[in-house]
């Protein structure tokens, strides 16, 4: 089961967080009752909120790439430690375009059931991202 779950996580990272940033692919990768326990304030903690979070990220950093440094599985849970990076060429979190290169670290924990992602817990170094965006402002 862990290998299949890790393959699902790799597919999510490749299809949604890298490549074409195909947010709509989340409909087939995530369970309809998905819950995100690490969502931006003001967004719902469901699948639609998580899709909107990714849309906002990709509008703000359209060339965003995700590099996975570590991935591990234990039964139905998958952990990743990764770096997201790109160029701030669109408004993000109310911050106008800076053109700066930005990078932030992320630890994600996903629960998977019946071949779909059902829950997410995470720690994002969003502070580093905000500092990079506001530096010199």
N, C-alpha and C. Protein backbone atom coordinates (compact mmCIF):
# COMPACT_ATOMS: atom_id res chain seq x y z
N UNK A 1 0.81 -1.19 0.00
CA UNK A 1 0.00 0.00 0.00
C UNK A 1 0.86 1.26 0.00
N UNK A 2 1.95 1.28 0.75
CA UNK A 2 2.79 2.47 0.82
C UNK A 2 3.34 2.87 -0.54
N UNK A 3 3.74 1.88 -1.36
CA UNK A 3 4.26 2.21 -2.70
C UNK A 3 3.20 2.87 -3.55
N UNK A 4 1.98 2.36 -3.51
CA UNK A 4 0.88 2.96 -4.27
C UNK A 4 0.59 4.36 -3.76
N UNK A 5 0.62 4.54 -2.46
CA UNK A 5 0.37 5.87 -1.88
C UNK A 5 1.48 6.85 -2.25
N UNK A 6 2.73 6.38 -2.25
CA UNK A 6 3.83 7.25 -2.65
C UNK A 6 3.72 7.62 -4.13
N UNK A 7 3.26 6.69 -4.94
CA UNK A 7 3.07 6.98 -6.37
C UNK A 7 1.99 8.05 -6.54
N UNK A 8 0.94 7.98 -5.74
CA UNK A 8 -0.11 9.00 -5.79
C UNK A 8 0.45 10.37 -5.39
N UNK A 9 1.27 10.40 -4.36
CA UNK A 9 1.88 11.67 -3.92
C UNK A 9 2.80 12.22 -5.01
N UNK A 10 3.60 11.35 -5.63
CA UNK A 10 4.48 11.81 -6.72
C UNK A 10 3.66 12.36 -7.88
N UNK A 11 2.53 11.71 -8.19
CA UNK A 11 1.67 12.20 -9.26
C UNK A 11 1.11 13.58 -8.92
N UNK A 12 0.65 13.77 -7.69
CA UNK A 12 0.14 15.08 -7.27
C UNK A 12 1.21 16.15 -7.44
N UNK A 13 2.41 15.87 -6.96
CA UNK A 13 3.49 16.86 -7.05
C UNK A 13 3.82 17.15 -8.51
N UNK A 14 3.91 16.11 -9.33
CA UNK A 14 4.29 16.31 -10.73
C UNK A 14 3.21 17.02 -11.53
N UNK A 15 1.95 16.60 -11.37
CA UNK A 15 0.87 17.12 -12.20
C UNK A 15 0.37 18.48 -11.71
N UNK A 16 0.27 18.64 -10.39
CA UNK A 16 -0.30 19.88 -9.85
C UNK A 16 0.79 20.89 -9.49
N UNK A 17 1.78 20.50 -8.71
CA UNK A 17 2.75 21.46 -8.20
C UNK A 17 3.91 21.72 -9.16
N UNK A 18 4.10 20.89 -10.12
CA UNK A 18 5.10 21.11 -11.18
C UNK A 18 4.38 21.02 -12.52
N UNK A 19 5.11 21.10 -13.59
CA UNK A 19 4.51 20.90 -14.91
C UNK A 19 3.46 21.93 -15.23
N UNK A 20 2.28 21.45 -15.60
CA UNK A 20 1.22 22.32 -16.10
C UNK A 20 0.42 23.00 -14.98
N UNK A 21 0.74 22.72 -13.72
CA UNK A 21 -0.03 23.26 -12.59
C UNK A 21 -1.52 22.97 -12.78
N UNK A 22 -1.83 21.71 -13.05
CA UNK A 22 -3.18 21.27 -13.35
C UNK A 22 -3.99 21.11 -12.06
N UNK A 23 -4.54 22.22 -11.58
CA UNK A 23 -5.32 22.23 -10.34
C UNK A 23 -6.55 21.33 -10.45
N UNK A 24 -7.14 21.25 -11.63
CA UNK A 24 -8.35 20.44 -11.80
C UNK A 24 -8.06 18.95 -11.62
N UNK A 25 -6.81 18.53 -11.77
CA UNK A 25 -6.45 17.13 -11.54
C UNK A 25 -6.68 16.74 -10.08
N UNK A 26 -6.75 17.72 -9.20
CA UNK A 26 -7.00 17.43 -7.79
C UNK A 26 -8.35 16.74 -7.60
N UNK A 27 -9.30 16.96 -8.52
CA UNK A 27 -10.61 16.31 -8.41
C UNK A 27 -10.49 14.79 -8.48
N UNK A 28 -9.53 14.28 -9.23
CA UNK A 28 -9.38 12.83 -9.32
C UNK A 28 -8.37 12.28 -8.32
N UNK A 29 -7.45 13.12 -7.83
CA UNK A 29 -6.42 12.68 -6.90
C UNK A 29 -6.88 12.76 -5.44
N UNK A 30 -7.82 13.64 -5.15
CA UNK A 30 -8.28 13.89 -3.79
C UNK A 30 -9.69 13.36 -3.60
N UNK A 31 -9.99 12.94 -2.40
CA UNK A 31 -11.32 12.48 -2.04
C UNK A 31 -12.27 13.69 -1.98
N UNK A 32 -13.53 13.50 -2.35
CA UNK A 32 -14.49 14.61 -2.25
C UNK A 32 -14.63 15.14 -0.82
N UNK A 33 -14.35 14.30 0.18
CA UNK A 33 -14.47 14.75 1.58
C UNK A 33 -13.11 15.16 2.17
N UNK A 34 -12.18 15.52 1.31
CA UNK A 34 -10.83 15.95 1.72
C UNK A 34 -10.91 17.09 2.73
N UNK A 35 -9.99 17.06 3.72
CA UNK A 35 -9.87 18.13 4.71
C UNK A 35 -8.42 18.59 4.76
N UNK A 36 -8.21 19.90 4.65
CA UNK A 36 -6.88 20.50 4.75
C UNK A 36 -6.79 21.24 6.08
N UNK A 37 -5.93 20.77 6.96
CA UNK A 37 -5.78 21.37 8.29
C UNK A 37 -4.75 22.51 8.29
N UNK A 38 -4.16 22.80 7.13
CA UNK A 38 -3.15 23.86 6.99
C UNK A 38 -3.51 24.71 5.78
N UNK A 39 -4.56 25.51 5.91
CA UNK A 39 -5.06 26.31 4.80
C UNK A 39 -4.90 27.79 5.15
N UNK A 40 -4.77 28.63 4.13
CA UNK A 40 -4.68 30.07 4.37
C UNK A 40 -5.95 30.58 5.04
N UNK A 41 -5.82 31.53 5.95
CA UNK A 41 -7.01 32.12 6.57
C UNK A 41 -7.95 32.65 5.49
N UNK A 42 -9.24 32.42 5.69
CA UNK A 42 -10.24 32.90 4.74
C UNK A 42 -10.63 31.88 3.68
N UNK A 43 -9.84 30.82 3.54
CA UNK A 43 -10.19 29.77 2.57
C UNK A 43 -10.82 28.60 3.30
N UNK A 44 -11.79 27.93 2.66
CA UNK A 44 -12.38 26.76 3.31
C UNK A 44 -11.36 25.62 3.36
N UNK A 45 -11.51 24.74 4.33
CA UNK A 45 -10.55 23.64 4.53
C UNK A 45 -10.86 22.42 3.69
N UNK A 46 -11.73 22.57 2.70
CA UNK A 46 -12.11 21.44 1.85
C UNK A 46 -11.31 21.43 0.55
N UNK A 47 -11.68 20.56 -0.36
CA UNK A 47 -10.98 20.43 -1.64
C UNK A 47 -11.00 21.74 -2.42
N UNK A 48 -12.14 22.41 -2.47
CA UNK A 48 -12.22 23.67 -3.22
C UNK A 48 -11.29 24.72 -2.64
N UNK A 49 -11.16 24.77 -1.32
CA UNK A 49 -10.23 25.71 -0.70
C UNK A 49 -8.79 25.40 -1.07
N UNK A 50 -8.45 24.12 -1.11
CA UNK A 50 -7.09 23.72 -1.48
C UNK A 50 -6.80 24.01 -2.95
N UNK A 51 -7.80 23.82 -3.80
CA UNK A 51 -7.62 24.17 -5.21
C UNK A 51 -7.40 25.68 -5.36
N UNK A 52 -8.18 26.47 -4.62
CA UNK A 52 -8.02 27.93 -4.68
C UNK A 52 -6.65 28.35 -4.15
N UNK A 53 -6.16 27.71 -3.10
CA UNK A 53 -4.82 28.00 -2.59
C UNK A 53 -3.79 27.80 -3.69
N UNK A 54 -3.88 26.68 -4.40
CA UNK A 54 -2.93 26.42 -5.48
C UNK A 54 -3.09 27.42 -6.63
N UNK A 55 -4.33 27.79 -6.97
CA UNK A 55 -4.53 28.80 -8.01
C UNK A 55 -3.85 30.11 -7.63
N UNK A 56 -4.00 30.52 -6.37
CA UNK A 56 -3.38 31.77 -5.91
C UNK A 56 -1.86 31.67 -5.97
N UNK A 57 -1.32 30.53 -5.55
CA UNK A 57 0.13 30.34 -5.63
C UNK A 57 0.61 30.47 -7.07
N UNK A 58 -0.10 29.82 -7.99
CA UNK A 58 0.34 29.81 -9.39
C UNK A 58 0.13 31.15 -10.07
N UNK A 59 -0.86 31.94 -9.62
CA UNK A 59 -0.99 33.31 -10.15
C UNK A 59 0.16 34.17 -9.66
N UNK A 60 0.55 34.00 -8.40
CA UNK A 60 1.62 34.81 -7.82
C UNK A 60 3.00 34.38 -8.27
N UNK A 61 3.19 33.08 -8.42
CA UNK A 61 4.48 32.50 -8.78
C UNK A 61 4.21 31.48 -9.90
N UNK A 62 3.94 31.97 -11.12
CA UNK A 62 3.50 31.07 -12.19
C UNK A 62 4.54 30.05 -12.65
N UNK A 63 5.80 30.30 -12.36
CA UNK A 63 6.84 29.32 -12.73
C UNK A 63 7.24 28.44 -11.54
N UNK A 64 6.36 28.35 -10.53
CA UNK A 64 6.67 27.59 -9.32
C UNK A 64 7.04 26.16 -9.64
N UNK A 65 8.11 25.72 -9.03
CA UNK A 65 8.58 24.34 -9.11
C UNK A 65 8.71 23.81 -7.69
N UNK A 66 8.51 22.52 -7.55
CA UNK A 66 8.63 21.86 -6.26
C UNK A 66 9.69 20.77 -6.36
N UNK A 67 10.66 20.82 -5.47
CA UNK A 67 11.71 19.81 -5.41
C UNK A 67 11.51 19.03 -4.11
N UNK A 68 11.35 17.72 -4.23
CA UNK A 68 11.18 16.86 -3.06
C UNK A 68 12.55 16.41 -2.58
N UNK A 69 12.85 16.71 -1.32
CA UNK A 69 14.12 16.30 -0.72
C UNK A 69 14.00 14.94 -0.04
N UNK A 70 12.86 14.72 0.62
CA UNK A 70 12.62 13.46 1.33
C UNK A 70 11.15 13.10 1.22
N UNK A 71 10.88 11.80 1.08
CA UNK A 71 9.52 11.29 1.09
C UNK A 71 9.53 9.98 1.86
N UNK A 72 8.54 9.79 2.72
CA UNK A 72 8.44 8.56 3.50
C UNK A 72 6.97 8.20 3.64
N UNK A 73 6.74 6.93 3.86
CA UNK A 73 5.37 6.44 4.01
C UNK A 73 5.29 5.51 5.20
N UNK A 74 4.14 5.55 5.84
CA UNK A 74 3.83 4.62 6.92
C UNK A 74 2.35 4.32 6.80
N UNK A 75 2.05 3.18 6.22
CA UNK A 75 0.65 2.82 6.02
C UNK A 75 -0.06 3.82 5.14
N UNK A 76 -1.08 4.47 5.67
CA UNK A 76 -1.89 5.39 4.88
C UNK A 76 -1.39 6.83 4.91
N UNK A 77 -0.26 7.09 5.55
CA UNK A 77 0.27 8.46 5.64
C UNK A 77 1.56 8.58 4.82
N UNK A 78 1.70 9.73 4.14
CA UNK A 78 2.89 10.05 3.35
C UNK A 78 3.42 11.39 3.85
N UNK A 79 4.73 11.46 4.07
CA UNK A 79 5.40 12.70 4.47
C UNK A 79 6.32 13.13 3.34
N UNK A 80 6.33 14.44 3.06
CA UNK A 80 7.32 14.99 2.13
C UNK A 80 7.95 16.23 2.76
N UNK A 81 9.23 16.39 2.48
CA UNK A 81 9.95 17.63 2.81
C UNK A 81 10.42 18.16 1.47
N UNK A 82 10.02 19.37 1.15
CA UNK A 82 10.30 19.90 -0.18
C UNK A 82 10.55 21.40 -0.15
N UNK A 83 11.08 21.88 -1.26
CA UNK A 83 11.28 23.31 -1.47
C UNK A 83 10.45 23.72 -2.68
N UNK A 84 9.68 24.79 -2.50
CA UNK A 84 8.94 25.41 -3.60
C UNK A 84 9.68 26.69 -3.96
N UNK A 85 9.78 26.98 -5.24
CA UNK A 85 10.50 28.19 -5.65
C UNK A 85 9.97 28.68 -6.99
N UNK A 86 10.28 29.93 -7.28
CA UNK A 86 9.88 30.52 -8.55
C UNK A 86 10.06 32.03 -8.51
N UNK A 87 9.43 32.70 -9.47
CA UNK A 87 9.54 34.15 -9.62
C UNK A 87 8.20 34.80 -9.32
N UNK A 88 8.21 35.79 -8.46
CA UNK A 88 6.98 36.49 -8.07
C UNK A 88 6.60 37.48 -9.16
N UNK A 89 5.76 37.02 -10.10
CA UNK A 89 5.36 37.87 -11.22
C UNK A 89 3.86 38.15 -11.22
N UNK A 90 3.17 37.80 -10.14
CA UNK A 90 1.75 38.09 -10.00
C UNK A 90 1.46 38.41 -8.55
N UNK A 91 0.38 39.17 -8.31
CA UNK A 91 0.00 39.52 -6.95
C UNK A 91 -0.19 38.25 -6.13
N UNK A 92 0.31 38.27 -4.89
CA UNK A 92 0.14 37.13 -3.99
C UNK A 92 0.03 37.62 -2.56
N UNK A 93 -1.00 37.16 -1.86
CA UNK A 93 -1.27 37.54 -0.47
C UNK A 93 -1.31 39.06 -0.30
N UNK A 94 -1.86 39.73 -1.31
CA UNK A 94 -1.97 41.18 -1.27
C UNK A 94 -0.70 41.93 -1.59
N UNK A 95 0.35 41.21 -1.94
CA UNK A 95 1.64 41.84 -2.23
C UNK A 95 1.76 42.00 -3.74
N UNK A 96 1.94 43.24 -4.22
CA UNK A 96 2.07 43.43 -5.67
C UNK A 96 3.36 42.79 -6.21
N UNK A 97 3.41 42.64 -7.49
CA UNK A 97 4.54 42.00 -8.18
C UNK A 97 5.86 42.64 -7.78
N UNK A 98 6.84 41.78 -7.45
CA UNK A 98 8.19 42.27 -7.13
C UNK A 98 9.21 41.81 -8.16
N UNK A 99 8.90 40.73 -8.88
CA UNK A 99 9.87 40.16 -9.82
C UNK A 99 10.98 39.38 -9.13
N UNK A 100 10.89 39.22 -7.83
CA UNK A 100 11.95 38.53 -7.07
C UNK A 100 11.86 37.01 -7.21
N UNK A 101 13.03 36.38 -7.12
CA UNK A 101 13.09 34.93 -6.97
C UNK A 101 12.77 34.62 -5.52
N UNK A 102 11.88 33.66 -5.30
CA UNK A 102 11.48 33.29 -3.95
C UNK A 102 11.58 31.78 -3.77
N UNK A 103 11.77 31.36 -2.53
CA UNK A 103 11.80 29.92 -2.21
C UNK A 103 11.33 29.76 -0.78
N UNK A 104 10.61 28.66 -0.53
CA UNK A 104 10.16 28.36 0.81
C UNK A 104 10.10 26.85 0.98
N UNK A 105 10.33 26.44 2.22
CA UNK A 105 10.34 25.01 2.57
C UNK A 105 8.94 24.60 3.03
N UNK A 106 8.61 23.34 2.77
CA UNK A 106 7.30 22.80 3.13
C UNK A 106 7.46 21.38 3.63
N UNK A 107 6.77 21.06 4.70
CA UNK A 107 6.61 19.67 5.14
C UNK A 107 5.12 19.37 5.02
N UNK A 108 4.80 18.36 4.24
CA UNK A 108 3.42 17.94 4.07
C UNK A 108 3.23 16.53 4.60
N UNK A 109 2.11 16.31 5.22
CA UNK A 109 1.68 14.97 5.62
C UNK A 109 0.30 14.78 5.00
N UNK A 110 0.16 13.73 4.21
CA UNK A 110 -1.10 13.43 3.55
C UNK A 110 -1.60 12.07 4.00
N UNK A 111 -2.89 11.98 4.25
CA UNK A 111 -3.53 10.69 4.50
C UNK A 111 -4.19 10.25 3.20
N UNK A 112 -4.09 8.96 2.92
CA UNK A 112 -4.64 8.42 1.68
C UNK A 112 -5.54 7.23 2.03
N UNK A 113 -6.70 7.22 1.40
CA UNK A 113 -7.65 6.12 1.59
C UNK A 113 -8.27 5.79 0.23
N UNK A 114 -8.31 4.53 -0.10
CA UNK A 114 -8.93 4.07 -1.35
C UNK A 114 -8.35 4.77 -2.57
N UNK A 115 -7.03 5.01 -2.55
CA UNK A 115 -6.36 5.59 -3.72
C UNK A 115 -6.56 7.07 -3.92
N UNK A 116 -7.04 7.77 -2.88
CA UNK A 116 -7.23 9.22 -2.98
C UNK A 116 -6.75 9.90 -1.71
N UNK A 117 -6.28 11.13 -1.85
CA UNK A 117 -5.80 11.91 -0.72
C UNK A 117 -7.02 12.41 0.06
N UNK A 118 -7.03 12.14 1.38
CA UNK A 118 -8.19 12.47 2.20
C UNK A 118 -7.96 13.59 3.21
N UNK A 119 -6.68 13.75 3.66
CA UNK A 119 -6.39 14.77 4.66
C UNK A 119 -4.99 15.33 4.41
N UNK A 120 -4.78 16.57 4.86
CA UNK A 120 -3.46 17.21 4.76
C UNK A 120 -3.16 17.99 6.03
N UNK A 121 -1.95 17.77 6.54
CA UNK A 121 -1.38 18.59 7.61
C UNK A 121 -0.07 19.10 7.06
N UNK A 122 0.31 20.32 7.41
CA UNK A 122 1.55 20.82 6.86
C UNK A 122 2.16 21.94 7.68
N UNK A 123 3.43 22.14 7.38
CA UNK A 123 4.18 23.26 7.94
C UNK A 123 4.88 23.92 6.76
N UNK A 124 4.55 25.17 6.52
CA UNK A 124 5.16 25.92 5.41
C UNK A 124 5.94 27.09 5.98
N UNK A 125 7.11 27.31 5.44
CA UNK A 125 7.91 28.45 5.85
C UNK A 125 7.43 29.69 5.10
N UNK A 126 6.14 29.98 5.28
CA UNK A 126 5.54 31.11 4.60
C UNK A 126 6.17 32.42 5.04
N UNK A 127 6.74 32.44 6.26
CA UNK A 127 7.45 33.63 6.73
C UNK A 127 8.61 33.99 5.83
N UNK A 128 9.37 32.98 5.40
CA UNK A 128 10.50 33.23 4.49
C UNK A 128 10.00 33.78 3.17
N UNK A 129 8.88 33.27 2.70
CA UNK A 129 8.31 33.76 1.45
C UNK A 129 7.88 35.22 1.60
N UNK A 130 7.20 35.54 2.70
CA UNK A 130 6.76 36.92 2.91
C UNK A 130 7.93 37.88 3.06
N UNK A 131 8.98 37.46 3.76
CA UNK A 131 10.18 38.30 3.89
C UNK A 131 10.78 38.56 2.52
N UNK A 132 10.88 37.53 1.71
CA UNK A 132 11.46 37.70 0.37
C UNK A 132 10.60 38.64 -0.49
N UNK A 133 9.30 38.54 -0.35
CA UNK A 133 8.41 39.38 -1.16
C UNK A 133 8.40 40.83 -0.67
N UNK A 134 8.54 41.02 0.63
CA UNK A 134 8.46 42.38 1.17
C UNK A 134 9.82 43.04 1.32
N UNK A 135 10.90 42.33 1.10
CA UNK A 135 12.25 42.90 1.24
C UNK A 135 12.38 44.11 0.32
N UNK A 136 12.80 45.17 0.87
CA UNK A 136 13.02 46.37 0.08
C UNK A 136 11.74 47.12 -0.25
N UNK A 137 10.60 46.65 0.27
CA UNK A 137 9.32 47.31 -0.03
C UNK A 137 9.19 48.60 0.75
